[in-house]
N, C-alpha and C. Protein backbone atom coordinates (compact mmCIF):
# COMPACT_ATOMS: atom_id res chain seq x y z
N MET A 1 -5.68 -72.35 170.80
CA MET A 1 -5.75 -73.52 171.78
C MET A 1 -7.12 -73.79 172.26
N GLN A 2 -7.90 -72.67 172.61
CA GLN A 2 -8.98 -72.76 173.02
C GLN A 2 -10.15 -73.55 172.09
N GLN A 3 -9.90 -73.45 170.76
CA GLN A 3 -10.66 -74.50 169.90
C GLN A 3 -10.37 -75.97 170.26
N ILE A 4 -9.11 -76.28 170.44
CA ILE A 4 -8.82 -77.65 170.85
C ILE A 4 -9.48 -77.95 172.05
N LEU A 5 -9.39 -77.19 173.09
CA LEU A 5 -10.20 -77.40 174.43
C LEU A 5 -11.73 -77.61 174.29
N TRP A 6 -12.18 -76.71 173.36
CA TRP A 6 -13.67 -76.88 173.23
C TRP A 6 -13.99 -78.22 172.41
N ALA A 7 -13.28 -78.62 171.52
CA ALA A 7 -13.48 -79.91 170.93
C ALA A 7 -13.15 -81.04 171.75
N GLU A 8 -12.23 -80.96 172.68
CA GLU A 8 -12.17 -81.88 173.72
C GLU A 8 -13.41 -81.96 174.74
N ILE A 9 -13.90 -80.88 175.14
CA ILE A 9 -15.09 -80.90 175.96
C ILE A 9 -16.32 -81.40 175.15
N PHE A 10 -16.35 -80.94 173.91
CA PHE A 10 -17.45 -81.61 173.26
C PHE A 10 -17.51 -83.09 173.10
N ILE A 11 -16.30 -83.57 172.72
CA ILE A 11 -16.10 -85.07 172.52
C ILE A 11 -16.39 -85.85 173.83
N LYS A 12 -15.75 -85.39 174.89
CA LYS A 12 -15.76 -86.01 176.24
C LYS A 12 -17.16 -86.00 176.74
N ALA A 13 -17.94 -84.83 176.44
CA ALA A 13 -19.41 -84.84 177.10
C ALA A 13 -20.26 -85.76 176.29
N ILE A 14 -19.97 -85.73 175.15
CA ILE A 14 -20.88 -86.66 174.42
C ILE A 14 -20.66 -87.92 174.67
N ALA A 15 -19.55 -88.47 174.43
CA ALA A 15 -19.08 -89.94 174.88
C ALA A 15 -19.43 -90.16 176.39
N GLY A 16 -19.14 -89.37 177.20
CA GLY A 16 -19.45 -89.58 178.45
C GLY A 16 -21.08 -89.73 178.83
N GLY A 17 -21.77 -88.75 178.15
CA GLY A 17 -23.12 -88.62 178.55
C GLY A 17 -23.77 -90.11 177.86
N LEU A 18 -23.31 -90.50 176.81
CA LEU A 18 -23.93 -91.68 176.19
C LEU A 18 -23.49 -92.91 177.16
N LEU A 19 -22.41 -92.85 177.51
CA LEU A 19 -22.03 -94.03 178.50
C LEU A 19 -22.68 -93.99 179.83
N PHE A 20 -23.12 -92.65 180.40
CA PHE A 20 -23.98 -92.61 181.62
C PHE A 20 -25.20 -92.79 181.38
N LEU A 21 -25.92 -92.31 180.38
CA LEU A 21 -27.26 -92.47 180.20
C LEU A 21 -27.71 -93.87 179.82
N ALA A 22 -27.01 -94.51 178.85
CA ALA A 22 -27.32 -96.03 178.27
C ALA A 22 -26.30 -96.67 178.18
N PRO A 23 -25.68 -97.16 179.23
CA PRO A 23 -24.24 -97.76 179.25
C PRO A 23 -24.24 -99.26 178.40
N LEU A 24 -25.49 -99.88 178.60
CA LEU A 24 -25.24 -101.24 177.93
C LEU A 24 -25.71 -101.15 176.37
N THR A 25 -26.61 -100.21 176.17
CA THR A 25 -26.86 -100.04 174.64
C THR A 25 -25.84 -99.40 174.11
N THR A 26 -25.05 -98.39 174.59
CA THR A 26 -23.78 -97.81 173.87
C THR A 26 -22.68 -98.88 173.72
N SER A 27 -22.54 -99.84 174.72
CA SER A 27 -21.56 -100.75 174.50
C SER A 27 -21.77 -101.75 173.31
N THR A 28 -23.22 -102.14 173.32
CA THR A 28 -23.62 -102.98 172.31
C THR A 28 -23.52 -102.32 170.90
N LEU A 29 -23.99 -100.95 170.71
CA LEU A 29 -23.87 -100.44 169.54
C LEU A 29 -22.44 -100.33 168.97
N LEU A 30 -21.34 -100.00 169.83
CA LEU A 30 -20.02 -99.69 169.60
C LEU A 30 -19.35 -101.11 169.27
N GLY A 31 -20.09 -102.11 169.51
CA GLY A 31 -19.43 -103.41 169.15
C GLY A 31 -18.40 -103.86 170.46
N LEU A 32 -18.59 -103.29 171.42
CA LEU A 32 -17.86 -103.79 172.65
C LEU A 32 -18.64 -104.96 173.48
N GLU A 33 -17.70 -105.57 174.16
CA GLU A 33 -18.26 -106.52 175.00
C GLU A 33 -19.38 -106.06 175.81
N ARG A 34 -20.60 -106.66 176.05
CA ARG A 34 -21.51 -106.20 176.78
C ARG A 34 -21.44 -106.57 178.17
N PRO A 35 -21.23 -105.72 179.27
CA PRO A 35 -21.11 -106.24 180.50
C PRO A 35 -22.29 -106.77 181.03
N SER A 36 -22.37 -107.40 182.39
CA SER A 36 -23.51 -108.00 182.93
C SER A 36 -24.35 -106.87 183.67
N THR A 37 -23.67 -105.85 184.08
CA THR A 37 -24.40 -104.53 184.65
C THR A 37 -23.82 -103.33 184.10
N GLY A 38 -24.34 -102.37 183.91
CA GLY A 38 -23.92 -101.02 183.51
C GLY A 38 -23.12 -100.33 184.45
N PHE A 39 -22.76 -100.93 185.57
CA PHE A 39 -22.04 -100.09 186.59
C PHE A 39 -20.72 -99.35 186.17
N TRP A 40 -20.00 -100.37 185.67
CA TRP A 40 -18.50 -99.75 185.27
C TRP A 40 -18.45 -98.82 184.02
N PRO A 41 -19.36 -99.03 183.01
CA PRO A 41 -19.46 -98.26 181.80
C PRO A 41 -20.06 -96.94 182.31
N ARG A 42 -21.29 -96.98 183.39
CA ARG A 42 -21.78 -95.74 183.73
C ARG A 42 -20.69 -94.99 184.72
N LEU A 43 -19.97 -95.66 185.25
CA LEU A 43 -18.99 -94.81 186.24
C LEU A 43 -17.91 -94.30 185.24
N LEU A 44 -17.46 -94.79 184.21
CA LEU A 44 -16.69 -94.33 183.10
C LEU A 44 -17.25 -93.16 182.37
N GLY A 45 -18.63 -93.39 182.27
CA GLY A 45 -19.27 -92.08 181.62
C GLY A 45 -19.24 -90.89 182.41
N ALA A 46 -19.66 -91.20 183.93
CA ALA A 46 -19.53 -89.90 184.73
C ALA A 46 -18.12 -89.33 185.16
N MET A 47 -17.15 -90.24 184.86
CA MET A 47 -15.72 -89.56 185.07
C MET A 47 -15.55 -88.76 183.90
N THR A 48 -15.80 -89.40 182.53
CA THR A 48 -15.64 -88.37 181.33
C THR A 48 -16.13 -87.32 181.44
N VAL A 49 -17.54 -87.20 181.91
CA VAL A 49 -18.44 -85.92 181.86
C VAL A 49 -17.68 -84.94 182.84
N GLY A 50 -17.21 -85.50 183.90
CA GLY A 50 -16.51 -84.76 185.12
C GLY A 50 -15.21 -84.09 184.57
N ILE A 51 -14.63 -84.91 183.58
CA ILE A 51 -13.27 -84.17 182.99
C ILE A 51 -13.87 -83.19 182.09
N ALA A 52 -14.61 -83.39 181.06
CA ALA A 52 -15.24 -82.39 180.37
C ALA A 52 -15.68 -81.05 181.31
N ALA A 53 -16.45 -81.32 182.40
CA ALA A 53 -16.63 -80.12 183.23
C ALA A 53 -15.55 -79.52 183.79
N GLY A 54 -14.62 -80.12 184.22
CA GLY A 54 -13.29 -79.55 184.68
C GLY A 54 -12.43 -78.70 183.54
N VAL A 55 -12.44 -79.29 182.43
CA VAL A 55 -11.83 -78.40 181.43
C VAL A 55 -12.85 -77.09 181.19
N TRP A 56 -14.23 -77.08 180.98
CA TRP A 56 -15.07 -76.09 181.00
C TRP A 56 -14.78 -75.12 181.83
N ILE A 57 -14.64 -75.64 183.14
CA ILE A 57 -14.65 -74.68 184.33
C ILE A 57 -13.22 -73.85 184.02
N GLY A 58 -12.14 -74.65 183.58
CA GLY A 58 -10.88 -73.84 183.38
C GLY A 58 -11.03 -72.83 182.18
N LEU A 59 -11.87 -73.06 181.20
CA LEU A 59 -11.91 -72.10 180.22
C LEU A 59 -12.97 -71.03 180.51
N GLN A 60 -13.91 -71.26 181.27
CA GLN A 60 -14.90 -70.06 181.66
C GLN A 60 -14.37 -69.17 182.70
N PHE A 61 -14.01 -69.81 183.61
CA PHE A 61 -13.34 -69.01 184.80
C PHE A 61 -11.95 -69.26 184.80
N SER A 62 -10.97 -68.20 184.28
CA SER A 62 -9.74 -68.42 184.13
C SER A 62 -9.02 -68.34 185.56
N ALA A 63 -9.51 -67.78 186.61
CA ALA A 63 -8.90 -67.62 187.85
C ALA A 63 -9.29 -68.88 188.85
N ALA A 64 -10.16 -69.76 188.24
CA ALA A 64 -10.51 -70.96 188.89
C ALA A 64 -9.23 -71.86 189.19
N ARG A 65 -9.12 -72.49 190.47
CA ARG A 65 -8.15 -73.16 190.89
C ARG A 65 -8.93 -74.64 190.80
N GLY A 66 -7.96 -75.62 190.58
CA GLY A 66 -8.21 -76.92 190.36
C GLY A 66 -8.90 -77.41 189.09
N ALA A 67 -8.93 -76.39 188.13
CA ALA A 67 -9.59 -77.10 186.69
C ALA A 67 -8.59 -77.59 185.96
N ILE A 68 -9.02 -78.36 185.13
CA ILE A 68 -8.26 -79.06 184.15
C ILE A 68 -7.61 -78.46 183.13
N GLY A 69 -6.18 -78.32 182.87
CA GLY A 69 -5.78 -77.43 181.91
C GLY A 69 -5.29 -78.35 180.91
N PRO A 70 -4.40 -77.80 179.78
CA PRO A 70 -3.91 -78.34 178.83
C PRO A 70 -2.98 -79.64 179.30
N GLY A 71 -2.18 -79.38 180.26
CA GLY A 71 -1.23 -80.32 180.91
C GLY A 71 -1.95 -81.65 181.39
N GLY A 72 -3.08 -81.57 182.15
CA GLY A 72 -3.80 -82.48 182.66
C GLY A 72 -4.29 -83.47 181.51
N LEU A 73 -4.89 -82.65 180.40
CA LEU A 73 -5.52 -83.47 179.48
C LEU A 73 -4.51 -84.00 178.73
N ILE A 74 -3.14 -83.58 178.50
CA ILE A 74 -2.36 -84.52 177.75
C ILE A 74 -2.07 -85.68 178.33
N ALA A 75 -1.91 -85.86 179.87
CA ALA A 75 -1.64 -86.95 180.47
C ALA A 75 -2.83 -88.05 180.56
N ILE A 76 -3.85 -87.29 180.43
CA ILE A 76 -5.39 -88.05 180.52
C ILE A 76 -5.43 -88.87 179.00
N ASN A 77 -5.10 -88.04 178.01
CA ASN A 77 -5.39 -88.58 176.90
C ASN A 77 -4.25 -89.71 176.43
N PHE A 78 -3.04 -89.46 176.92
CA PHE A 78 -1.96 -90.44 176.57
C PHE A 78 -2.31 -91.65 177.44
N ALA A 79 -2.57 -91.71 178.63
CA ALA A 79 -2.80 -92.79 179.67
C ALA A 79 -4.05 -93.51 178.92
N THR A 80 -5.22 -92.69 178.63
CA THR A 80 -6.23 -93.61 177.96
C THR A 80 -5.99 -94.19 176.69
N ALA A 81 -5.30 -93.59 175.79
CA ALA A 81 -4.80 -94.21 174.64
C ALA A 81 -4.05 -95.36 174.86
N ALA A 82 -3.04 -95.24 175.62
CA ALA A 82 -2.06 -96.48 176.14
C ALA A 82 -2.72 -97.59 176.40
N ALA A 83 -3.87 -97.43 177.50
CA ALA A 83 -4.69 -98.59 177.79
C ALA A 83 -5.42 -99.06 176.75
N LEU A 84 -5.83 -98.48 175.73
CA LEU A 84 -6.71 -98.94 174.72
C LEU A 84 -5.78 -99.59 173.70
N ILE A 85 -4.52 -99.10 173.47
CA ILE A 85 -3.57 -99.61 172.59
C ILE A 85 -3.17 -101.11 173.25
N ALA A 86 -2.96 -101.02 174.37
CA ALA A 86 -2.55 -102.29 175.26
C ALA A 86 -3.70 -103.62 175.13
N ALA A 87 -4.79 -102.95 175.25
CA ALA A 87 -5.96 -104.05 175.03
C ALA A 87 -6.01 -104.70 173.58
N LEU A 88 -5.69 -103.70 172.70
CA LEU A 88 -5.57 -104.16 171.22
C LEU A 88 -4.54 -105.11 171.06
N ILE A 89 -3.32 -104.82 171.66
CA ILE A 89 -2.17 -105.63 171.38
C ILE A 89 -2.49 -107.16 172.04
N LEU A 90 -3.13 -106.99 173.30
CA LEU A 90 -3.28 -108.18 174.19
C LEU A 90 -4.51 -109.08 173.68
N GLY A 91 -5.15 -108.39 172.67
CA GLY A 91 -6.24 -109.11 172.14
C GLY A 91 -7.45 -109.14 172.84
N THR A 92 -7.57 -108.22 173.84
CA THR A 92 -8.71 -108.42 174.93
C THR A 92 -9.71 -107.20 174.65
N ALA A 93 -9.44 -106.57 173.56
CA ALA A 93 -10.15 -105.33 173.31
C ALA A 93 -11.67 -105.23 173.11
N ALA A 94 -12.04 -106.06 172.19
CA ALA A 94 -13.34 -106.17 171.80
C ALA A 94 -13.45 -107.52 171.09
N PRO A 95 -14.88 -108.05 171.21
CA PRO A 95 -15.17 -109.29 170.33
C PRO A 95 -15.45 -109.13 168.88
N SER A 96 -15.51 -108.09 168.59
CA SER A 96 -15.92 -107.89 166.98
C SER A 96 -15.06 -107.06 166.36
N ARG A 97 -15.10 -106.99 165.05
CA ARG A 97 -14.35 -106.05 164.27
C ARG A 97 -14.59 -104.54 164.48
N ARG A 98 -16.06 -104.52 164.62
CA ARG A 98 -16.56 -103.06 164.71
C ARG A 98 -15.91 -102.60 165.98
N GLY A 99 -16.10 -103.37 167.07
CA GLY A 99 -15.48 -102.90 168.29
C GLY A 99 -14.06 -102.51 168.26
N LYS A 100 -13.20 -103.42 167.65
CA LYS A 100 -11.70 -103.22 167.59
C LYS A 100 -11.50 -101.83 166.77
N LEU A 101 -12.27 -101.58 165.65
CA LEU A 101 -12.14 -100.45 164.88
C LEU A 101 -12.56 -99.25 165.63
N VAL A 102 -13.70 -99.21 166.34
CA VAL A 102 -14.04 -98.17 167.19
C VAL A 102 -12.96 -97.74 168.27
N ILE A 103 -12.21 -98.87 168.90
CA ILE A 103 -11.08 -98.48 169.82
C ILE A 103 -9.88 -98.03 169.00
N VAL A 104 -9.40 -98.59 168.06
CA VAL A 104 -8.38 -97.81 167.23
C VAL A 104 -8.70 -96.45 166.80
N ILE A 105 -9.91 -96.12 166.38
CA ILE A 105 -10.40 -94.71 166.22
C ILE A 105 -10.14 -93.84 167.32
N VAL A 106 -10.79 -94.28 168.63
CA VAL A 106 -10.51 -93.50 169.39
C VAL A 106 -9.33 -93.48 170.16
N ALA A 107 -8.31 -94.38 170.07
CA ALA A 107 -6.97 -94.31 170.52
C ALA A 107 -6.38 -93.18 169.56
N VAL A 108 -6.58 -93.26 168.39
CA VAL A 108 -5.95 -92.34 167.33
C VAL A 108 -6.32 -90.94 167.65
N LEU A 109 -7.64 -90.67 167.92
CA LEU A 109 -8.34 -89.37 168.27
C LEU A 109 -7.61 -89.00 169.48
N LEU A 110 -7.38 -89.71 170.63
CA LEU A 110 -6.80 -89.27 171.73
C LEU A 110 -5.57 -88.97 171.73
N LEU A 111 -4.59 -89.64 170.86
CA LEU A 111 -3.50 -89.29 170.54
C LEU A 111 -3.22 -88.17 169.74
N ALA A 112 -4.20 -87.90 168.74
CA ALA A 112 -4.04 -86.59 167.99
C ALA A 112 -4.38 -85.31 168.96
N LEU A 113 -5.25 -85.52 169.95
CA LEU A 113 -5.69 -84.44 170.84
C LEU A 113 -4.56 -84.15 171.61
N ALA A 114 -3.79 -85.21 172.28
CA ALA A 114 -2.48 -84.96 173.01
C ALA A 114 -1.63 -84.17 172.27
N PHE A 115 -1.30 -84.70 171.05
CA PHE A 115 -0.12 -84.03 170.26
C PHE A 115 -0.49 -82.63 169.95
N LEU A 116 -1.75 -82.48 169.65
CA LEU A 116 -2.11 -81.12 169.40
C LEU A 116 -1.99 -80.09 170.64
N GLU A 117 -2.49 -80.57 171.64
CA GLU A 117 -2.31 -79.89 172.93
C GLU A 117 -0.92 -79.61 173.35
N ILE A 118 0.07 -80.77 173.12
CA ILE A 118 1.53 -80.50 173.41
C ILE A 118 1.99 -79.30 172.11
N ALA A 119 1.49 -79.32 171.08
CA ALA A 119 2.04 -78.17 170.07
C ALA A 119 1.59 -76.88 170.51
N HIS A 120 0.49 -76.72 171.16
CA HIS A 120 0.05 -75.42 171.68
C HIS A 120 0.42 -75.07 173.18
N VAL A 121 1.15 -75.82 173.73
CA VAL A 121 1.31 -75.45 175.11
C VAL A 121 2.67 -74.77 175.22
């Protein structure tokens, strides 16, 4: 189970860090619609880094109260994947094929992590 949580920390920290440090460049490189300001992508990046930090705290300090555990990650991953899949179905996900492909890959990755966490809880 710890390997899954470490993978989750690594993925969320990298993705969140990229969005936090270079939100407009990251959006453009991924083929997503480029926002007029970097506020919302940067906010999403900060939130994602915060989730990674919450999971890390739970792994490093087992007695810590308020850390994010597997149960919380299952809900976060399912909700995020559902939002991405809904955007794909509604046709508002991304203006380019590359962006749609990135969104499909991220949604599948989130679902896979959620199901792996369910299998190990």
